[in-house]
Amino acid sequence: MELIRDRKAWLQGAGATCNLPPEKVTRARRLVLLGAPGVGKGTQAELLCTKMRACHLSTGDIFRAAKSSQACNLTPALDAALQFMKRGELVPDER
């Protein structure tokens, strides 16, 4: 079964729903994958998503979806983040 993952729904706030059919869950879990760019977080997240039938959302997904949204649909925080992104300032500080 091909699953559709529309991350734009997450920009709609708390009312957003995951479009994966729910399975009976005995305990809710949230996994956070951390690591440098290019180490495979997205690959592992997709594998976990398929195996556990979980929703996968990344900050990159949020920024890409926000970039194509109308300005009136953005929160002040997302709008500010997009301005940083446009200036090339939304990068990790590796001190």
N, C-alpha and C. Protein backbone atom coordinates (compact mmCIF):
# COMPACT_ATOMS: atom_id res chain seq x y z
N MET A 1 0.84 -1.17 0.00
CA MET A 1 0.00 0.00 0.00
C MET A 1 0.89 1.25 0.00
N GLU A 2 0.64 2.15 -0.92
CA GLU A 2 1.39 3.40 -1.01
C GLU A 2 0.80 4.40 -0.02
N LEU A 3 1.62 4.93 0.85
CA LEU A 3 1.15 5.89 1.84
C LEU A 3 1.44 7.30 1.36
N ILE A 4 0.50 8.19 1.59
CA ILE A 4 0.65 9.59 1.21
C ILE A 4 1.07 10.36 2.45
N ARG A 5 2.14 11.10 2.32
CA ARG A 5 2.64 11.88 3.46
C ARG A 5 2.63 13.35 3.11
N ASP A 6 1.53 14.02 3.41
CA ASP A 6 1.40 15.44 3.13
C ASP A 6 1.78 16.22 4.38
N ARG A 7 3.00 16.72 4.42
CA ARG A 7 3.48 17.43 5.61
C ARG A 7 2.86 18.81 5.76
N LYS A 8 2.21 19.34 4.71
CA LYS A 8 1.59 20.66 4.82
C LYS A 8 0.50 20.67 5.88
N ALA A 9 -0.13 19.53 6.14
CA ALA A 9 -1.18 19.47 7.15
C ALA A 9 -0.65 19.85 8.52
N TRP A 10 0.63 19.60 8.78
CA TRP A 10 1.21 19.92 10.08
C TRP A 10 1.25 21.42 10.34
N LEU A 11 1.24 22.22 9.29
CA LEU A 11 1.25 23.67 9.46
C LEU A 11 -0.09 24.19 9.96
N GLN A 12 -1.11 23.36 9.91
CA GLN A 12 -2.44 23.78 10.32
C GLN A 12 -2.64 23.72 11.82
N GLY A 13 -1.63 23.28 12.55
CA GLY A 13 -1.69 23.31 14.01
C GLY A 13 -2.20 22.03 14.63
N ALA A 14 -2.71 22.16 15.84
CA ALA A 14 -3.08 21.00 16.64
C ALA A 14 -4.18 20.15 16.00
N GLY A 15 -4.97 20.72 15.13
CA GLY A 15 -6.05 19.97 14.49
C GLY A 15 -5.58 19.07 13.37
N ALA A 16 -4.31 19.15 13.00
CA ALA A 16 -3.80 18.34 11.89
C ALA A 16 -3.82 16.87 12.27
N THR A 17 -4.10 16.06 11.28
CA THR A 17 -4.13 14.62 11.53
C THR A 17 -3.17 13.91 10.59
N CYS A 18 -2.71 12.78 11.03
CA CYS A 18 -1.84 11.94 10.21
C CYS A 18 -2.73 11.12 9.29
N ASN A 19 -2.34 10.97 8.03
CA ASN A 19 -3.19 10.24 7.10
C ASN A 19 -2.87 8.75 7.04
N LEU A 20 -2.07 8.25 7.97
CA LEU A 20 -1.83 6.82 8.05
C LEU A 20 -2.95 6.18 8.85
N PRO A 21 -3.47 5.05 8.38
CA PRO A 21 -4.53 4.39 9.16
C PRO A 21 -3.99 3.98 10.52
N PRO A 22 -4.71 4.32 11.58
CA PRO A 22 -4.20 4.01 12.92
C PRO A 22 -4.27 2.52 13.23
N GLU A 23 -3.31 2.06 14.01
CA GLU A 23 -3.33 0.72 14.54
C GLU A 23 -3.59 0.82 16.02
N LYS A 24 -4.02 -0.28 16.61
CA LYS A 24 -4.25 -0.26 18.04
C LYS A 24 -2.90 -0.09 18.73
N VAL A 25 -2.81 0.94 19.54
CA VAL A 25 -1.56 1.26 20.22
C VAL A 25 -1.77 1.12 21.72
N THR A 26 -0.87 0.42 22.36
CA THR A 26 -0.99 0.27 23.80
C THR A 26 -0.31 1.42 24.53
N ARG A 27 0.66 2.04 23.88
CA ARG A 27 1.39 3.14 24.50
C ARG A 27 1.88 4.10 23.42
N ALA A 28 1.51 5.36 23.53
CA ALA A 28 1.94 6.36 22.55
C ALA A 28 3.42 6.66 22.73
N ARG A 29 4.11 6.86 21.62
CA ARG A 29 5.55 7.16 21.67
C ARG A 29 5.89 8.25 20.68
N ARG A 30 6.94 8.98 21.02
CA ARG A 30 7.51 9.97 20.11
C ARG A 30 8.98 9.70 20.02
N LEU A 31 9.49 9.59 18.83
CA LEU A 31 10.91 9.39 18.61
C LEU A 31 11.48 10.65 17.99
N VAL A 32 12.64 11.04 18.47
CA VAL A 32 13.33 12.19 17.92
C VAL A 32 14.69 11.69 17.44
N LEU A 33 14.95 11.85 16.16
CA LEU A 33 16.23 11.43 15.60
C LEU A 33 17.10 12.68 15.43
N LEU A 34 18.25 12.67 16.06
CA LEU A 34 19.17 13.80 16.00
C LEU A 34 20.46 13.39 15.31
N GLY A 35 21.06 14.31 14.61
CA GLY A 35 22.35 14.03 13.98
C GLY A 35 22.67 15.10 12.96
N ALA A 36 23.89 15.06 12.51
CA ALA A 36 24.37 16.02 11.52
C ALA A 36 23.65 15.80 10.18
N PRO A 37 23.64 16.81 9.31
CA PRO A 37 23.04 16.63 7.99
C PRO A 37 23.72 15.49 7.23
N GLY A 38 22.90 14.67 6.59
CA GLY A 38 23.42 13.62 5.72
C GLY A 38 23.80 12.32 6.40
N VAL A 39 23.47 12.15 7.69
CA VAL A 39 23.86 10.92 8.38
C VAL A 39 22.80 9.83 8.29
N GLY A 40 21.65 10.13 7.69
CA GLY A 40 20.64 9.09 7.49
C GLY A 40 19.42 9.19 8.38
N LYS A 41 19.20 10.34 9.01
CA LYS A 41 18.02 10.50 9.87
C LYS A 41 16.73 10.29 9.08
N GLY A 42 16.66 10.88 7.91
CA GLY A 42 15.46 10.75 7.07
C GLY A 42 15.23 9.32 6.60
N THR A 43 16.31 8.65 6.24
CA THR A 43 16.21 7.25 5.81
C THR A 43 15.69 6.39 6.95
N GLN A 44 16.27 6.56 8.12
CA GLN A 44 15.84 5.77 9.28
C GLN A 44 14.39 6.13 9.66
N ALA A 45 14.03 7.40 9.57
CA ALA A 45 12.68 7.82 9.90
C ALA A 45 11.66 7.18 8.97
N GLU A 46 11.97 7.12 7.69
CA GLU A 46 11.06 6.48 6.73
C GLU A 46 10.93 4.99 7.03
N LEU A 47 12.03 4.33 7.38
CA LEU A 47 11.97 2.91 7.73
C LEU A 47 11.10 2.70 8.98
N LEU A 48 11.30 3.54 9.98
CA LEU A 48 10.49 3.46 11.20
C LEU A 48 9.02 3.76 10.90
N CYS A 49 8.79 4.71 10.04
CA CYS A 49 7.43 5.09 9.66
C CYS A 49 6.71 3.91 9.03
N THR A 50 7.39 3.22 8.14
CA THR A 50 6.80 2.07 7.47
C THR A 50 6.60 0.91 8.44
N LYS A 51 7.61 0.62 9.23
CA LYS A 51 7.56 -0.52 10.15
C LYS A 51 6.54 -0.32 11.27
N MET A 52 6.52 0.89 11.84
CA MET A 52 5.68 1.16 13.00
C MET A 52 4.38 1.86 12.65
N ARG A 53 4.18 2.16 11.36
CA ARG A 53 3.00 2.89 10.89
C ARG A 53 2.84 4.20 11.67
N ALA A 54 3.92 4.93 11.72
CA ALA A 54 3.96 6.19 12.46
C ALA A 54 4.05 7.36 11.50
N CYS A 55 3.72 8.53 11.97
CA CYS A 55 3.88 9.75 11.16
C CYS A 55 5.32 10.23 11.27
N HIS A 56 5.84 10.72 10.16
CA HIS A 56 7.21 11.22 10.10
C HIS A 56 7.16 12.69 9.72
N LEU A 57 7.80 13.51 10.52
CA LEU A 57 7.86 14.94 10.24
C LEU A 57 9.26 15.44 10.56
N SER A 58 9.83 16.20 9.66
CA SER A 58 11.15 16.77 9.90
C SER A 58 11.06 18.29 9.82
N THR A 59 12.02 18.95 10.43
CA THR A 59 12.02 20.41 10.35
C THR A 59 12.18 20.87 8.91
N GLY A 60 12.95 20.12 8.13
CA GLY A 60 13.08 20.46 6.71
C GLY A 60 11.74 20.40 5.99
N ASP A 61 10.93 19.38 6.32
CA ASP A 61 9.59 19.27 5.75
C ASP A 61 8.76 20.50 6.11
N ILE A 62 8.86 20.92 7.35
CA ILE A 62 8.09 22.08 7.81
C ILE A 62 8.51 23.33 7.04
N PHE A 63 9.82 23.55 6.90
CA PHE A 63 10.30 24.74 6.20
C PHE A 63 9.94 24.71 4.72
N ARG A 64 10.07 23.55 4.08
CA ARG A 64 9.71 23.45 2.66
C ARG A 64 8.21 23.70 2.46
N ALA A 65 7.38 23.14 3.33
CA ALA A 65 5.94 23.36 3.23
C ALA A 65 5.59 24.82 3.50
N ALA A 66 6.24 25.42 4.49
CA ALA A 66 5.98 26.82 4.82
C ALA A 66 6.39 27.73 3.69
N LYS A 67 7.48 27.39 3.02
CA LYS A 67 7.98 28.21 1.91
C LYS A 67 6.96 28.32 0.78
N SER A 68 6.17 27.26 0.58
CA SER A 68 5.19 27.27 -0.50
C SER A 68 3.79 27.68 -0.02
N SER A 69 3.66 28.03 1.26
CA SER A 69 2.37 28.46 1.81
C SER A 69 2.19 29.96 1.64
N GLN A 70 0.96 30.39 1.73
CA GLN A 70 0.68 31.82 1.68
C GLN A 70 1.12 32.46 2.99
N ALA A 71 1.60 33.67 2.92
CA ALA A 71 2.13 34.37 4.09
C ALA A 71 1.10 34.47 5.21
N CYS A 72 -0.17 34.60 4.86
CA CYS A 72 -1.20 34.76 5.90
C CYS A 72 -1.41 33.47 6.69
N ASN A 73 -0.91 32.33 6.19
CA ASN A 73 -1.07 31.06 6.89
C ASN A 73 0.11 30.73 7.80
N LEU A 74 1.12 31.59 7.83
CA LEU A 74 2.32 31.32 8.61
C LEU A 74 2.24 31.94 10.00
N THR A 75 2.78 31.22 10.97
CA THR A 75 2.90 31.78 12.31
C THR A 75 4.05 32.79 12.28
N PRO A 76 4.11 33.70 13.24
CA PRO A 76 5.24 34.64 13.29
C PRO A 76 6.59 33.90 13.37
N ALA A 77 6.64 32.81 14.10
CA ALA A 77 7.90 32.06 14.24
C ALA A 77 8.33 31.46 12.90
N LEU A 78 7.39 30.88 12.16
CA LEU A 78 7.74 30.32 10.85
C LEU A 78 8.13 31.40 9.87
N ASP A 79 7.42 32.52 9.92
CA ASP A 79 7.77 33.63 9.04
C ASP A 79 9.19 34.12 9.32
N ALA A 80 9.54 34.24 10.60
CA ALA A 80 10.90 34.66 10.97
C ALA A 80 11.92 33.64 10.50
N ALA A 81 11.62 32.35 10.69
CA ALA A 81 12.54 31.30 10.26
C ALA A 81 12.76 31.35 8.74
N LEU A 82 11.70 31.61 7.99
CA LEU A 82 11.84 31.70 6.53
C LEU A 82 12.69 32.90 6.14
N GLN A 83 12.58 34.00 6.88
CA GLN A 83 13.42 35.17 6.60
C GLN A 83 14.90 34.84 6.84
N PHE A 84 15.18 34.12 7.94
CA PHE A 84 16.55 33.66 8.20
C PHE A 84 17.03 32.75 7.07
N MET A 85 16.14 31.86 6.62
CA MET A 85 16.49 30.91 5.56
C MET A 85 16.84 31.66 4.26
N LYS A 86 16.03 32.66 3.92
CA LYS A 86 16.29 33.44 2.71
C LYS A 86 17.64 34.14 2.75
N ARG A 87 18.05 34.57 3.95
CA ARG A 87 19.34 35.24 4.09
C ARG A 87 20.49 34.25 4.26
N GLY A 88 20.19 32.96 4.31
CA GLY A 88 21.23 31.95 4.49
C GLY A 88 21.74 31.86 5.92
N GLU A 89 20.94 32.31 6.86
CA GLU A 89 21.37 32.33 8.26
C GLU A 89 20.76 31.21 9.09
N LEU A 90 19.98 30.34 8.48
CA LEU A 90 19.37 29.24 9.22
C LEU A 90 20.24 28.00 9.07
N VAL A 91 21.40 28.07 9.69
CA VAL A 91 22.36 26.97 9.65
C VAL A 91 22.89 26.72 11.06
N PRO A 92 23.35 25.50 11.34
CA PRO A 92 23.90 25.22 12.68
C PRO A 92 25.13 26.05 12.98
N ASP A 93 25.25 26.48 14.21
CA ASP A 93 26.43 27.22 14.67
C ASP A 93 27.40 26.20 15.23
N GLU A 94 28.48 25.95 14.52
CA GLU A 94 29.44 24.91 14.93
C GLU A 94 30.66 25.55 15.59
N ARG A 95 30.48 26.01 16.79
CA ARG A 95 31.59 26.62 17.52
C ARG A 95 32.39 25.57 18.21
